[in-house]
Amino acid sequence: MVTHSIPEAIYLSDRVLIMSNRPGRIKRDVTIDLPRPRHPDVMYAPRFVEYDRLLHAALADEDPGA
């Protein structure tokens, strides 16, 4: 699955790969360790917020406009 939504990626996935700018390479591989099945309330869990911050930071690391 490809998405530009970090919360969607965390909620639906067990693993998130972050691609670099050109040339497109895998720059970060994050295992999402949240229990399944996932209920929407998991989005407010501290671990979910940690994943969100981690993935945003990984993307901002390369984006001068972030």
PDB file of N, CA and C in Angstrom:
ATOM      1  N   MET A   1       0.842  -1.165   0.000  1.00  0.00           N
ATOM      2  CA  MET A   1       0.000   0.000   0.000  1.00  0.00           C
ATOM      3  C   MET A   1       0.893   1.235   0.000  1.00  0.00           C
ATOM      4  N   VAL A   2       0.517   2.217  -0.737  1.00  0.00           N
ATOM      5  CA  VAL A   2       1.229   3.495  -0.746  1.00  0.00           C
ATOM      6  C   VAL A   2       0.274   4.555  -0.217  1.00  0.00           C
ATOM      7  N   THR A   3       0.751   5.368   0.701  1.00  0.00           N
ATOM      8  CA  THR A   3      -0.056   6.456   1.238  1.00  0.00           C
ATOM      9  C   THR A   3       0.852   7.627   1.575  1.00  0.00           C
ATOM     10  N   HIS A   4       0.265   8.803   1.616  1.00  0.00           N
ATOM     11  CA  HIS A   4       0.984   9.990   2.069  1.00  0.00           C
ATOM     12  C   HIS A   4       0.511  10.388   3.465  1.00  0.00           C
ATOM     13  N   SER A   5      -0.365   9.586   4.044  1.00  0.00           N
ATOM     14  CA  SER A   5      -0.913   9.852   5.371  1.00  0.00           C
ATOM     15  C   SER A   5      -0.173   9.014   6.410  1.00  0.00           C
ATOM     16  N   ILE A   6       0.556   9.675   7.272  1.00  0.00           N
ATOM     17  CA  ILE A   6       1.301   8.963   8.300  1.00  0.00           C
ATOM     18  C   ILE A   6       0.367   8.229   9.262  1.00  0.00           C
ATOM     19  N   PRO A   7      -0.692   8.865   9.777  1.00  0.00           N
ATOM     20  CA  PRO A   7      -1.601   8.118  10.662  1.00  0.00           C
ATOM     21  C   PRO A   7      -2.222   6.895   9.982  1.00  0.00           C
ATOM     22  N   GLU A   8      -2.585   7.019   8.714  1.00  0.00           N
ATOM     23  CA  GLU A   8      -3.145   5.885   7.983  1.00  0.00           C
ATOM     24  C   GLU A   8      -2.117   4.748   7.879  1.00  0.00           C
ATOM     25  N   ALA A   9      -0.880   5.098   7.591  1.00  0.00           N
ATOM     26  CA  ALA A   9       0.179   4.094   7.481  1.00  0.00           C
ATOM     27  C   ALA A   9       0.372   3.365   8.809  1.00  0.00           C
ATOM     28  N   ILE A  10       0.383   4.109   9.906  1.00  0.00           N
ATOM     29  CA  ILE A  10       0.574   3.499  11.221  1.00  0.00           C
ATOM     30  C   ILE A  10      -0.616   2.601  11.571  1.00  0.00           C
ATOM     31  N   TYR A  11      -1.810   3.085  11.316  1.00  0.00           N
ATOM     32  CA  TYR A  11      -3.026   2.357  11.690  1.00  0.00           C
ATOM     33  C   TYR A  11      -3.188   1.055  10.905  1.00  0.00           C
ATOM     34  N   LEU A  12      -2.869   1.095   9.620  1.00  0.00           N
ATOM     35  CA  LEU A  12      -3.138  -0.056   8.763  1.00  0.00           C
ATOM     36  C   LEU A  12      -1.969  -1.022   8.611  1.00  0.00           C
ATOM     37  N   SER A  13      -0.770  -0.594   8.958  1.00  0.00           N
ATOM     38  CA  SER A  13       0.412  -1.386   8.614  1.00  0.00           C
ATOM     39  C   SER A  13       1.100  -2.011   9.819  1.00  0.00           C
ATOM     40  N   ASP A  14       1.867  -3.041   9.524  1.00  0.00           N
ATOM     41  CA  ASP A  14       2.760  -3.638  10.509  1.00  0.00           C
ATOM     42  C   ASP A  14       4.197  -3.202  10.246  1.00  0.00           C
ATOM     43  N   ARG A  15       4.404  -2.562   9.110  1.00  0.00           N
ATOM     44  CA  ARG A  15       5.734  -2.101   8.708  1.00  0.00           C
ATOM     45  C   ARG A  15       5.559  -0.899   7.793  1.00  0.00           C
ATOM     46  N   VAL A  16       6.350   0.150   8.015  1.00  0.00           N
ATOM     47  CA  VAL A  16       6.303   1.352   7.192  1.00  0.00           C
ATOM     48  C   VAL A  16       7.696   1.597   6.624  1.00  0.00           C
ATOM     49  N   LEU A  17       7.764   1.763   5.322  1.00  0.00           N
ATOM     50  CA  LEU A  17       9.019   2.088   4.643  1.00  0.00           C
ATOM     51  C   LEU A  17       8.953   3.532   4.182  1.00  0.00           C
ATOM     52  N   ILE A  18       9.960   4.298   4.511  1.00  0.00           N
ATOM     53  CA  ILE A  18      10.033   5.692   4.074  1.00  0.00           C
ATOM     54  C   ILE A  18      11.052   5.765   2.956  1.00  0.00           C
ATOM     55  N   MET A  19      10.633   6.377   1.862  1.00  0.00           N
ATOM     56  CA  MET A  19      11.496   6.506   0.690  1.00  0.00           C
ATOM     57  C   MET A  19      12.210   7.859   0.711  1.00  0.00           C
ATOM     58  N   SER A  20      13.398   7.876   0.166  1.00  0.00           N
ATOM     59  CA  SER A  20      14.157   9.119   0.026  1.00  0.00           C
ATOM     60  C   SER A  20      13.716   9.838  -1.242  1.00  0.00           C
ATOM     61  N   ASN A  21      14.148  11.092  -1.346  1.00  0.00           N
ATOM     62  CA  ASN A  21      13.956  11.812  -2.610  1.00  0.00           C
ATOM     63  C   ASN A  21      14.837  11.149  -3.658  1.00  0.00           C
ATOM     64  N   ARG A  22      14.792  11.674  -4.844  1.00  0.00           N
ATOM     65  CA  ARG A  22      15.542  11.093  -5.952  1.00  0.00           C
ATOM     66  C   ARG A  22      17.015  10.912  -5.613  1.00  0.00           C
ATOM     67  N   PRO A  23      17.579   9.793  -5.913  1.00  0.00           N
ATOM     68  CA  PRO A  23      16.908   8.602  -6.406  1.00  0.00           C
ATOM     69  C   PRO A  23      16.140   7.937  -5.268  1.00  0.00           C
ATOM     70  N   GLY A  24      14.964   7.430  -5.575  1.00  0.00           N
ATOM     71  CA  GLY A  24      14.115   6.815  -4.558  1.00  0.00           C
ATOM     72  C   GLY A  24      14.724   5.548  -3.997  1.00  0.00           C
ATOM     73  N   ARG A  25      15.068   5.603  -2.738  1.00  0.00           N
ATOM     74  CA  ARG A  25      15.621   4.452  -2.041  1.00  0.00           C
ATOM     75  C   ARG A  25      14.933   4.358  -0.683  1.00  0.00           C
ATOM     76  N   ILE A  26      14.937   3.173  -0.107  1.00  0.00           N
ATOM     77  CA  ILE A  26      14.370   3.020   1.228  1.00  0.00           C
ATOM     78  C   ILE A  26      15.318   3.669   2.212  1.00  0.00           C
ATOM     79  N   LYS A  27      14.818   4.680   2.894  1.00  0.00           N
ATOM     80  CA  LYS A  27      15.657   5.425   3.828  1.00  0.00           C
ATOM     81  C   LYS A  27      15.385   5.016   5.274  1.00  0.00           C
ATOM     82  N   ARG A  28      14.190   4.500   5.539  1.00  0.00           N
ATOM     83  CA  ARG A  28      13.836   4.098   6.910  1.00  0.00           C
ATOM     84  C   ARG A  28      12.843   2.952   6.855  1.00  0.00           C
ATOM     85  N   ASP A  29      13.030   1.985   7.685  1.00  0.00           N
ATOM     86  CA  ASP A  29      12.152   0.819   7.780  1.00  0.00           C
ATOM     87  C   ASP A  29      11.716   0.725   9.243  1.00  0.00           C
ATOM     88  N   VAL A  30      10.422   0.965   9.488  1.00  0.00           N
ATOM     89  CA  VAL A  30       9.917   1.009  10.856  1.00  0.00           C
ATOM     90  C   VAL A  30       8.876  -0.095  11.043  1.00  0.00           C
ATOM     91  N   THR A  31       9.097  -0.955  12.009  1.00  0.00           N
ATOM     92  CA  THR A  31       8.125  -1.983  12.365  1.00  0.00           C
ATOM     93  C   THR A  31       7.110  -1.358  13.315  1.00  0.00           C
ATOM     94  N   ILE A  32       5.837  -1.497  12.981  1.00  0.00           N
ATOM     95  CA  ILE A  32       4.759  -0.949  13.804  1.00  0.00           C
ATOM     96  C   ILE A  32       4.278  -2.062  14.741  1.00  0.00           C
ATOM     97  N   ASP A  33       4.587  -1.910  16.001  1.00  0.00           N
ATOM     98  CA  ASP A  33       4.263  -2.923  16.990  1.00  0.00           C
ATOM     99  C   ASP A  33       3.069  -2.468  17.832  1.00  0.00           C
ATOM    100  N   LEU A  34       1.899  -2.507  17.221  1.00  0.00           N
ATOM    101  CA  LEU A  34       0.653  -2.192  17.917  1.00  0.00           C
ATOM    102  C   LEU A  34      -0.246  -3.421  17.830  1.00  0.00           C
ATOM    103  N   PRO A  35      -1.018  -3.681  18.883  1.00  0.00           N
ATOM    104  CA  PRO A  35      -1.856  -4.880  18.881  1.00  0.00           C
ATOM    105  C   PRO A  35      -2.919  -4.861  17.785  1.00  0.00           C
ATOM    106  N   ARG A  36      -3.263  -6.055  17.319  1.00  0.00           N
ATOM    107  CA  ARG A  36      -4.344  -6.234  16.344  1.00  0.00           C
ATOM    108  C   ARG A  36      -5.423  -7.067  16.984  1.00  0.00           C
ATOM    109  N   PRO A  37      -6.676  -6.901  16.599  1.00  0.00           N
ATOM    110  CA  PRO A  37      -7.164  -5.889  15.662  1.00  0.00           C
ATOM    111  C   PRO A  37      -7.054  -4.502  16.277  1.00  0.00           C
ATOM    112  N   ARG A  38      -6.891  -3.521  15.409  1.00  0.00           N
ATOM    113  CA  ARG A  38      -6.732  -2.137  15.867  1.00  0.00           C
ATOM    114  C   ARG A  38      -8.071  -1.414  15.840  1.00  0.00           C
ATOM    115  N   HIS A  39      -8.365  -0.799  16.927  1.00  0.00           N
ATOM    116  CA  HIS A  39      -9.573   0.019  17.059  1.00  0.00           C
ATOM    117  C   HIS A  39      -9.149   1.472  16.842  1.00  0.00           C
ATOM    118  N   PRO A  40     -10.011   2.304  16.290  1.00  0.00           N
ATOM    119  CA  PRO A  40      -9.630   3.707  16.061  1.00  0.00           C
ATOM    120  C   PRO A  40      -9.087   4.425  17.300  1.00  0.00           C
ATOM    121  N   ASP A  41      -9.476   3.988  18.487  1.00  0.00           N
ATOM    122  CA  ASP A  41      -8.959   4.625  19.708  1.00  0.00           C
ATOM    123  C   ASP A  41      -7.450   4.470  19.863  1.00  0.00           C
ATOM    124  N   VAL A  42      -6.850   3.508  19.146  1.00  0.00           N
ATOM    125  CA  VAL A  42      -5.401   3.316  19.244  1.00  0.00           C
ATOM    126  C   VAL A  42      -4.649   4.569  18.781  1.00  0.00           C
ATOM    127  N   MET A  43      -5.302   5.403  17.978  1.00  0.00           N
ATOM    128  CA  MET A  43      -4.657   6.623  17.482  1.00  0.00           C
ATOM    129  C   MET A  43      -4.323   7.604  18.609  1.00  0.00           C
ATOM    130  N   TYR A  44      -4.916   7.408  19.781  1.00  0.00           N
ATOM    131  CA  TYR A  44      -4.651   8.283  20.928  1.00  0.00           C
ATOM    132  C   TYR A  44      -3.676   7.648  21.916  1.00  0.00           C
ATOM    133  N   ALA A  45      -3.229   6.452  21.616  1.00  0.00           N
ATOM    134  CA  ALA A  45      -2.290   5.752  22.497  1.00  0.00           C
ATOM    135  C   ALA A  45      -0.904   6.385  22.406  1.00  0.00           C
ATOM    136  N   PRO A  46      -0.181   6.437  23.514  1.00  0.00           N
ATOM    137  CA  PRO A  46       1.161   7.028  23.503  1.00  0.00           C
ATOM    138  C   PRO A  46       2.088   6.404  22.453  1.00  0.00           C
ATOM    139  N   ARG A  47       2.022   5.096  22.269  1.00  0.00           N
ATOM    140  CA  ARG A  47       2.900   4.429  21.297  1.00  0.00           C
ATOM    141  C   ARG A  47       2.578   4.881  19.873  1.00  0.00           C
ATOM    142  N   PHE A  48       1.298   5.068  19.558  1.00  0.00           N
ATOM    143  CA  PHE A  48       0.898   5.546  18.240  1.00  0.00           C
ATOM    144  C   PHE A  48       1.484   6.940  18.003  1.00  0.00           C
ATOM    145  N   VAL A  49       1.394   7.795  18.998  1.00  0.00           N
ATOM    146  CA  VAL A  49       1.924   9.162  18.898  1.00  0.00           C
ATOM    147  C   VAL A  49       3.439   9.127  18.703  1.00  0.00           C
ATOM    148  N   GLU A  50       4.123   8.203  19.365  1.00  0.00           N
ATOM    149  CA  GLU A  50       5.576   8.056  19.183  1.00  0.00           C
ATOM    150  C   GLU A  50       5.911   7.694  17.737  1.00  0.00           C
ATOM    151  N   TYR A  51       5.167   6.738  17.176  1.00  0.00           N
ATOM    152  CA  TYR A  51       5.384   6.367  15.779  1.00  0.00           C
ATOM    153  C   TYR A  51       5.136   7.564  14.866  1.00  0.00           C
ATOM    154  N   ASP A  52       4.082   8.317  15.138  1.00  0.00           N
ATOM    155  CA  ASP A  52       3.755   9.489  14.318  1.00  0.00           C
ATOM    156  C   ASP A  52       4.909  10.498  14.342  1.00  0.00           C
ATOM    157  N   ARG A  53       5.439  10.771  15.506  1.00  0.00           N
ATOM    158  CA  ARG A  53       6.565  11.716  15.629  1.00  0.00           C
ATOM    159  C   ARG A  53       7.815  11.191  14.931  1.00  0.00           C
ATOM    160  N   LEU A  54       8.091   9.910  15.106  1.00  0.00           N
ATOM    161  CA  LEU A  54       9.257   9.292  14.484  1.00  0.00           C
ATOM    162  C   LEU A  54       9.188   9.396  12.958  1.00  0.00           C
ATOM    163  N   LEU A  55       8.033   9.073  12.388  1.00  0.00           N
ATOM    164  CA  LEU A  55       7.890   9.099  10.935  1.00  0.00           C
ATOM    165  C   LEU A  55       7.906  10.528  10.398  1.00  0.00           C
ATOM    166  N   HIS A  56       7.278  11.457  11.115  1.00  0.00           N
ATOM    167  CA  HIS A  56       7.337  12.864  10.689  1.00  0.00           C
ATOM    168  C   HIS A  56       8.784  13.365  10.696  1.00  0.00           C
ATOM    169  N   ALA A  57       9.532  13.016  11.738  1.00  0.00           N
ATOM    170  CA  ALA A  57      10.927  13.449  11.833  1.00  0.00           C
ATOM    171  C   ALA A  57      11.757  12.853  10.704  1.00  0.00           C
ATOM    172  N   ALA A  58      11.506  11.607  10.356  1.00  0.00           N
ATOM    173  CA  ALA A  58      12.254  10.964   9.271  1.00  0.00           C
ATOM    174  C   ALA A  58      11.974  11.659   7.939  1.00  0.00           C
ATOM    175  N   LEU A  59      10.735  12.077   7.730  1.00  0.00           N
ATOM    176  CA  LEU A  59      10.401  12.792   6.492  1.00  0.00           C
ATOM    177  C   LEU A  59      10.964  14.210   6.502  1.00  0.00           C
ATOM    178  N   ALA A  60      10.871  14.894   7.626  1.00  0.00           N
ATOM    179  CA  ALA A  60      11.360  16.281   7.730  1.00  0.00           C
ATOM    180  C   ALA A  60      12.871  16.345   7.584  1.00  0.00           C
ATOM    181  N   ASP A  61      13.555  15.262   7.910  1.00  0.00           N
ATOM    182  CA  ASP A  61      15.008  15.197   7.813  1.00  0.00           C
ATOM    183  C   ASP A  61      15.491  15.515   6.398  1.00  0.00           C
ATOM    184  N   GLU A  62      14.639  15.287   5.408  1.00  0.00           N
ATOM    185  CA  GLU A  62      15.029  15.474   4.021  1.00  0.00           C
ATOM    186  C   GLU A  62      14.304  16.638   3.363  1.00  0.00           C
ATOM    187  N   ASP A  63      13.232  17.115   3.991  1.00  0.00           N
ATOM    188  CA  ASP A  63      12.389  18.144   3.378  1.00  0.00           C
ATOM    189  C   ASP A  63      12.708  19.498   3.990  1.00  0.00           C
ATOM    190  N   PRO A  64      13.397  20.377   3.249  1.00  0.00           N
ATOM    191  CA  PRO A  64      13.768  21.681   3.808  1.00  0.00           C
ATOM    192  C   PRO A  64      12.560  22.547   4.114  1.00  0.00           C
ATOM    193  N   GLY A  65      11.407  22.244   3.563  1.00  0.00           N
ATOM    194  CA  GLY A  65      10.206  23.034   3.817  1.00  0.00           C
ATOM    195  C   GLY A  65       9.416  22.569   5.019  1.00  0.00           C
ATOM    196  N   ALA A  66       9.863  21.507   5.670  1.00  0.00           N
ATOM    197  CA  ALA A  66       9.086  20.959   6.799  1.00  0.00           C
ATOM    198  C   ALA A  66       9.338  21.722   8.070  1.00  0.00           C
TER     199      ALA A  66
END
